[in-house]
Amino acid sequence: MKISQMNTEHVSQVIAIDRQCYKSPMSRKTLDSTIRKARGGLMHAVVAIEGDEVVGYLIAEINSPDIQILSIGVQESSRRKGVGTKLVSYIFDLLRDHKCISVNANVEEHKLEAHFFFSSQGFLAARTLTIGDKDAYRFRYTVPFDNLSDMHIRAIAENSLAKRLVKAEEDDALDE
């Protein structure tokens, strides 16, 4: 199994998997837009491929110091075969590459299989929230402090400081 960047030739297979996983699957237009954003570096959209077949996908957004998993799906016949683990491993590599410290995934309350999956990957249910009219849990994986390098910590601190400075400038502009 290999993980590859999602492209337009994967769209129909990803939509078929999405239909198996969610009551309101993504439209072709939404998925095409996601692929364009991924090409522009605003998101990451990948597929797990076994032979010639797409067996899973993952869409994530990096907002340092966090990564948010927006959608993940695995074909029913490929579940419990390591596909989801391989996709989450891809995200864990992004943590290092982008000097992020955590990954979040919002999971609807009734999706117990997904709760167990994220828990098995080291995520903890961090809080409850409401998405639309549905209750959900935010699962969070945080890089253990021992695994953070000095450079990683410095980059996170600089990014956090930059965000606070921008916020302060925005607040000052509103006060004028």
Protein backbone atom coordinates (compact mmCIF):
# COMPACT_ATOMS: atom_id res chain seq x y z
CA MET A 1 0.00 0.00 0.00
CA LYS A 2 1.28 3.46 -0.83
CA ILE A 3 0.19 6.95 0.16
CA SER A 4 -0.02 9.42 -2.75
CA GLN A 5 -1.20 12.95 -3.27
CA MET A 6 -4.87 12.99 -4.25
CA ASN A 7 -5.57 14.10 -7.80
CA THR A 8 -8.57 14.37 -10.11
CA GLU A 9 -8.29 10.75 -11.29
CA HIS A 10 -8.99 9.62 -7.69
CA VAL A 11 -12.16 11.70 -7.23
CA SER A 12 -14.81 9.11 -8.12
CA GLN A 13 -13.21 6.44 -5.90
CA VAL A 14 -12.82 8.89 -2.98
CA ILE A 15 -16.48 9.91 -3.31
CA ALA A 16 -17.50 6.23 -3.26
CA ILE A 17 -15.51 5.70 -0.03
CA ASP A 18 -16.93 8.91 1.44
CA ARG A 19 -20.47 7.59 0.78
CA GLN A 20 -19.62 4.46 2.79
CA CYS A 21 -18.35 6.56 5.71
CA TYR A 22 -20.66 9.58 5.94
CA LYS A 23 -24.38 10.29 5.58
CA SER A 24 -23.60 13.54 3.71
CA PRO A 25 -20.70 12.73 1.37
CA MET A 26 -18.57 15.37 -0.32
CA SER A 27 -19.60 16.57 -3.75
CA ARG A 28 -17.30 16.35 -6.75
CA LYS A 29 -17.09 20.15 -6.72
CA THR A 30 -15.96 20.20 -3.06
CA LEU A 31 -13.37 17.50 -3.69
CA ASP A 32 -12.03 19.26 -6.81
CA SER A 33 -11.70 22.46 -4.75
CA THR A 34 -9.87 20.53 -2.01
CA ILE A 35 -7.41 19.12 -4.55
CA ARG A 36 -6.72 22.64 -5.87
CA LYS A 37 -6.11 23.90 -2.32
CA ALA A 38 -3.79 20.96 -1.66
CA ARG A 39 -1.79 21.82 -4.79
CA GLY A 40 -1.53 25.36 -3.47
CA GLY A 41 -0.21 24.12 -0.14
CA LEU A 42 -3.26 25.20 1.89
CA MET A 43 -4.30 21.61 2.65
CA HIS A 44 -3.03 18.08 2.40
CA ALA A 45 -5.18 15.58 0.50
CA VAL A 46 -3.82 12.05 0.15
CA VAL A 47 -5.06 8.63 -0.85
CA ALA A 48 -4.04 5.14 0.19
CA ILE A 49 -3.65 2.97 -2.89
CA GLU A 50 -3.58 -0.82 -2.96
CA GLY A 51 -2.78 -2.08 -6.46
CA ASP A 52 -4.81 0.23 -8.73
CA GLU A 53 -7.55 0.87 -6.18
CA VAL A 54 -8.01 3.77 -3.78
CA VAL A 55 -8.79 2.15 -0.41
CA GLY A 56 -8.68 5.24 1.81
CA TYR A 57 -8.20 8.99 1.88
CA LEU A 58 -7.34 11.78 4.28
CA ILE A 59 -7.81 15.54 4.05
CA ALA A 60 -6.07 17.80 6.56
CA GLU A 61 -5.32 21.46 7.09
CA ILE A 62 -2.22 22.84 8.76
CA ASN A 63 -2.73 25.82 11.03
CA SER A 64 0.53 25.77 12.96
CA PRO A 65 1.02 24.69 15.65
CA ASP A 66 -1.95 22.37 14.95
CA ILE A 67 -3.05 20.05 12.17
CA GLN A 68 -6.79 19.49 11.76
CA ILE A 69 -7.99 16.29 10.11
CA LEU A 70 -10.98 17.47 8.10
CA SER A 71 -11.99 14.10 6.69
CA ILE A 72 -10.70 10.54 6.70
CA GLY A 73 -12.29 7.48 5.17
CA VAL A 74 -11.42 3.85 4.53
CA GLN A 75 -13.26 1.52 2.18
CA GLU A 76 -15.40 -0.92 4.17
CA SER A 77 -13.63 -4.00 2.78
CA SER A 78 -10.22 -2.53 3.73
CA ARG A 79 -10.96 -1.63 7.35
CA ARG A 80 -8.86 -3.15 10.13
CA LYS A 81 -6.05 -3.79 7.65
CA GLY A 82 -3.79 -0.87 8.56
CA VAL A 83 -5.06 1.65 6.00
CA GLY A 84 -6.21 4.23 8.57
CA THR A 85 -3.00 3.75 10.57
CA LYS A 86 -0.93 4.41 7.44
CA LEU A 87 -2.93 7.60 6.73
CA VAL A 88 -2.49 8.84 10.31
CA SER A 89 1.25 8.03 10.10
CA TYR A 90 1.38 10.42 7.13
CA ILE A 91 -0.09 13.12 9.40
CA PHE A 92 2.42 12.34 12.14
CA ASP A 93 5.20 12.93 9.57
CA LEU A 94 3.63 16.32 8.80
CA LEU A 95 3.89 17.18 12.50
CA ARG A 96 7.66 16.99 12.25
CA ASP A 97 7.91 18.58 8.80
CA HIS A 98 5.77 21.60 9.74
CA LYS A 99 6.94 21.84 13.36
CA CYS A 100 3.43 21.35 14.69
CA ILE A 101 2.65 19.99 18.14
CA SER A 102 -0.82 18.49 17.82
CA VAL A 103 -3.36 16.87 15.53
CA ASN A 104 -7.11 17.32 16.03
CA ALA A 105 -9.97 15.27 14.62
CA ASN A 106 -13.65 16.01 15.28
CA VAL A 107 -15.69 12.81 15.48
CA GLU A 108 -19.47 12.65 15.77
CA GLU A 109 -20.70 11.14 19.01
CA HIS A 110 -22.33 8.08 17.39
CA LYS A 111 -19.21 7.06 15.39
CA LEU A 112 -17.85 4.68 18.01
CA GLU A 113 -15.64 2.80 15.56
CA ALA A 114 -13.86 6.08 14.77
CA HIS A 115 -13.53 6.82 18.52
CA PHE A 116 -11.79 3.48 19.03
CA PHE A 117 -9.58 4.02 15.98
CA PHE A 118 -8.32 7.45 17.05
CA SER A 119 -7.81 6.22 20.62
CA SER A 120 -5.71 3.32 19.28
CA GLN A 121 -3.51 5.88 17.48
CA GLY A 122 -2.74 7.77 20.69
CA PHE A 123 -5.44 10.46 20.44
CA LEU A 124 -7.38 11.49 23.54
CA ALA A 125 -10.95 12.81 23.60
CA ALA A 126 -10.08 16.38 24.55
CA ARG A 127 -13.51 18.03 24.63
CA THR A 128 -17.06 17.92 23.37
CA LEU A 129 -18.46 20.26 20.77
CA THR A 130 -21.42 20.71 18.49
CA ILE A 131 -21.06 20.52 14.72
CA GLY A 132 -24.23 21.77 13.11
CA ASP A 133 -26.92 19.96 15.07
CA LYS A 134 -24.70 17.00 16.05
CA ASP A 135 -22.68 16.39 19.18
CA ALA A 136 -19.07 15.43 18.61
CA TYR A 137 -15.79 14.86 20.38
CA ARG A 138 -12.52 16.55 19.53
CA PHE A 139 -9.82 13.92 19.58
CA ARG A 140 -6.32 15.33 20.02
CA TYR A 141 -2.88 13.87 19.63
CA THR A 142 -0.11 15.96 21.19
CA VAL A 143 3.56 15.34 20.50
CA PRO A 144 5.20 14.15 23.73
CA PHE A 145 7.39 16.97 25.07
CA ASP A 146 10.46 14.70 25.10
CA ASN A 147 10.15 14.35 21.30
CA LEU A 148 10.25 18.10 20.60
CA SER A 149 13.61 19.45 19.50
CA ASP A 150 14.88 22.88 20.59
CA MET A 151 14.42 24.09 17.01
CA HIS A 152 10.85 22.76 17.01
CA ILE A 153 10.02 24.53 20.30
CA ARG A 154 11.63 27.79 19.08
CA ALA A 155 9.61 27.67 15.81
CA ILE A 156 6.39 27.09 17.73
CA ALA A 157 7.15 29.98 20.10
CA GLU A 158 7.98 32.30 17.19
CA ASN A 159 4.77 31.32 15.37
CA SER A 160 2.73 31.86 18.53
CA LEU A 161 4.35 35.26 19.10
CA ALA A 162 3.71 36.26 15.47
CA LYS A 163 0.02 35.33 15.80
CA ARG A 164 -0.26 37.39 19.01
CA LEU A 165 1.40 40.39 17.32
CA VAL A 166 -0.98 40.19 14.34
CA LYS A 167 -3.95 39.93 16.73
CA ALA A 168 -2.70 42.96 18.69
CA GLU A 169 -2.35 44.95 15.44
CA GLU A 170 -5.89 43.95 14.42
CA ASP A 171 -7.20 44.97 17.84
CA ASP A 172 -5.38 48.32 17.59
CA ALA A 173 -6.88 48.90 14.12
CA LEU A 174 -10.37 48.25 15.51
CA ASP A 175 -9.79 50.75 18.33
CA GLU A 176 -8.92 53.55 15.88
